[in-house]
Amino acid sequence: MSLPGQFSDPRVLTLLALLAVSTGARLAAGARARRARTPAPLERVRHPQESVPLTPAEERAFGQVVSRLSVTSTGRLR
């Protein structure tokens, strides 16, 4: 079965085949590059002190530091 008209020319068929192959290769390369750019999700790294409860003295010291860093009415840190 042959194609009618201008598509029966072997040069046109070759051109269409090359276009299809290059488009497929470009799409595959783009998908591979997107996959390489997407970082793998990282697991959260916990600090050893996160699970240790603070003593009352440490809590007081932390509260004093936080109170010094509070925002004043002008929007600036004290």
Protein backbone atom coordinates (compact mmCIF):
# COMPACT_ATOMS: atom_id res chain seq x y z
CA MET A 1 0.00 0.00 0.00
CA SER A 2 1.52 3.29 -1.04
CA LEU A 3 0.73 6.74 0.22
CA PRO A 4 -0.99 9.07 -2.24
CA GLY A 5 0.45 12.23 -3.73
CA GLN A 6 3.44 14.04 -2.29
CA PHE A 7 3.83 11.65 0.68
CA SER A 8 4.86 8.79 -1.62
CA ASP A 9 8.24 10.45 -2.25
CA PRO A 10 10.94 8.60 -0.25
CA ARG A 11 12.59 11.89 0.70
CA VAL A 12 9.40 13.12 2.38
CA LEU A 13 9.00 9.82 4.22
CA THR A 14 12.63 10.00 5.35
CA LEU A 15 12.18 13.59 6.51
CA LEU A 16 9.04 12.69 8.47
CA ALA A 17 10.76 9.70 10.06
CA LEU A 18 13.77 11.81 11.08
CA LEU A 19 11.45 14.44 12.51
CA ALA A 20 9.59 11.82 14.54
CA VAL A 21 12.81 10.28 15.87
CA SER A 22 14.35 13.63 16.81
CA THR A 23 11.13 14.73 18.54
CA GLY A 24 11.05 11.51 20.54
CA ALA A 25 14.71 11.88 21.51
CA ARG A 26 14.17 15.51 22.56
CA LEU A 27 11.14 14.59 24.68
CA ALA A 28 13.03 11.74 26.34
CA ALA A 29 16.03 13.96 27.08
CA GLY A 30 13.78 16.66 28.55
CA ALA A 31 12.01 14.15 30.79
CA ARG A 32 15.35 12.76 31.95
CA ALA A 33 16.65 16.29 32.70
CA ARG A 34 13.49 17.14 34.66
CA ARG A 35 13.87 13.97 36.70
CA ALA A 36 17.52 14.82 37.42
CA ARG A 37 16.59 18.38 38.52
CA THR A 38 13.91 17.23 40.94
CA PRO A 39 15.61 16.64 44.28
CA ALA A 40 14.74 13.59 46.28
CA PRO A 41 12.78 14.44 49.41
CA LEU A 42 15.06 14.68 52.40
CA GLU A 43 14.20 13.20 55.73
CA ARG A 44 14.08 15.62 58.60
CA VAL A 45 17.25 15.49 60.65
CA ARG A 46 16.51 15.85 64.33
CA HIS A 47 18.87 17.63 66.63
CA PRO A 48 19.77 15.55 69.71
CA GLN A 49 18.50 18.25 72.07
CA GLU A 50 15.03 18.38 70.51
CA SER A 51 13.80 15.42 72.49
CA VAL A 52 15.46 16.46 75.78
CA PRO A 53 13.15 18.40 78.12
CA LEU A 54 14.50 21.70 79.41
CA THR A 55 15.14 22.29 83.08
CA PRO A 56 13.26 25.17 84.75
CA ALA A 57 16.44 27.27 84.74
CA GLU A 58 16.92 26.68 81.01
CA GLU A 59 13.29 27.55 80.33
CA ARG A 60 13.66 30.81 82.29
CA ALA A 61 16.86 31.70 80.40
CA PHE A 62 15.18 30.95 77.10
CA GLY A 63 12.17 33.09 78.08
CA GLN A 64 14.46 36.00 78.96
CA VAL A 65 16.17 35.82 75.57
CA VAL A 66 12.84 35.66 73.76
CA SER A 67 11.44 38.58 75.73
CA ARG A 68 14.46 40.68 74.75
CA LEU A 69 13.83 39.84 71.09
CA SER A 70 10.16 40.82 71.18
CA VAL A 71 8.92 43.43 68.73
CA THR A 72 8.18 46.92 70.09
CA SER A 73 5.26 49.12 69.04
CA THR A 74 7.43 50.68 66.32
CA GLY A 75 7.99 47.28 64.77
CA ARG A 76 11.66 47.06 65.75
CA LEU A 77 13.42 44.55 67.94
CA ARG A 78 14.31 45.74 71.43
